[in-house]
Structures are given as structure tokens and as C-alpha cells.
């Protein structure tokens, strides 16, 4: 049985108003972000299940106490707080870029997109430094019943950070941390870092298109708004990563 051809220009929605009250592209971006949120949620739920079923776990205040120029000083969570501040500021500049886009101000969009990209690159640089300094330093470790001073590096102990807190003859004694900690930490923060890198690339493409005047030719800056949705999602996910790994 032959199927009747559908005339070109057929209007699929005849209700007078789109049920989504938004463009197709923006609706698809929301669908993508929802699916990505489920992925991060699965990772963090898996981490939480392992974390609270383990007999011991690294103390975030002792593991994450390194700071550029100060080594492993007594500055718990100071560096990751700086990283979080940078990411939040980049989210603010993205909001301002979207606002300027609504006003069709190309120079304003260009300026705030530049600062957003710079913030993303700064965050990635901080994360690279943290990865290479996470478990370096000197610790007192119990080896075959004897307290020894051991310098650990990322290359020699990448998945099991020392767990400080035990005392022996006045010395702090650590035991190798659970392998799951390193796997979850580098896996989840790396996955988030990949999203930040993707966001920086997307924002860079948008920045170039703004400078070339492509959005002025279209008559709107909706692409900047869609890129902003993705960037805000990345910032929001970091809040949960920060809570799970650094505060709990």
C-alpha cells in the first residue's frame, strides 16, 4: 500500500504554542544535561556506597592540604576552595555574556566569553597541579611493625593515599589508603575535568563566532545561551564533587 507524501512546510504543532516554550536546540540541550546528570549521579552514588562501607578512609583535611609555594602545609582544603571560587566566577561571567547577548551587544558578549574561557583554563591548570601534588610529601608509615619515614609520590603510590591519624611513639603513622579512593577520585574528577575541557572548547568556538559576527547575522545569540547551560551544569556538578570528596 503506497504511503501518501507529506507536503513540504507541514506545520506539525497546531496548538498555537510550543509545549516546551523553547527552541528545539535548547530543549535538546536540556535532555543532554539530564542524561549527563544521571551519569554523574551513578558515579557519586557508587562512590558514596563504597565510602561508607569501608573500614577506613583518607581524611580530606590531611590529604588535600597542599598549596602552591607552601608544600603540604597546614592549609586544609585551601587550594580546592580556590579552584571552586575560580569556577564560580567563570559561571558569573557566563551569565553576563548571556545577558549581553540578549541585548545584542557583541562587544559585551566577546568580553565576558573571554573571561569565562580564562576561568576554565585556570581551573584545569589548578586541577593538573592538584593531581601531581595530591599524595606527594613525607609521611611516617608503619612497615613490618617498624615506623619508617617514607616520601611518597604520584608515580610510586598513585591509587592509595596514606591515611594519617594513627600514632606510635609520638610519631604519626599512616597505612596505605583503600585503592577505591584513588580510583574514584581520579576517575570522577577526571571525568568532570573532561567536561570542563569540553566546555572551554565550546566556549572558544562561540567566542570566535562572536568575533566574526555570525550571531549578529542570525539576529540572536541563542547559541551563547545553550553554551551557558552546559557551563552552569559543569559548575553545579563540581559542587557535588566538592561535597563528596573534600568535605565528607
Foldseek 3Di string as FASTA:
>chain_A
DDDDDDDPPDDPDDPPADPVNDDPVLVVLVVVLVVVVVVLVVLLVVVVVVVVVDPDAADQQQQQQQDPPPANDNRRCPLVVVLLVLLVVLLVLLVQLQVVQVVVNLVSVLVSLVSSLVSLVVSLVSVVVCLFRRQFDWFFEQDPNDTDIDTDGCVRQVQWHWHWDDDDPRGIYTDTHDSVLNVSLCVSVVVLNVLSVVLSVLSVVLSVCSVVVVQVVVVGDVSSVSSSVSSVSSSVSVVVVCCSNNPD
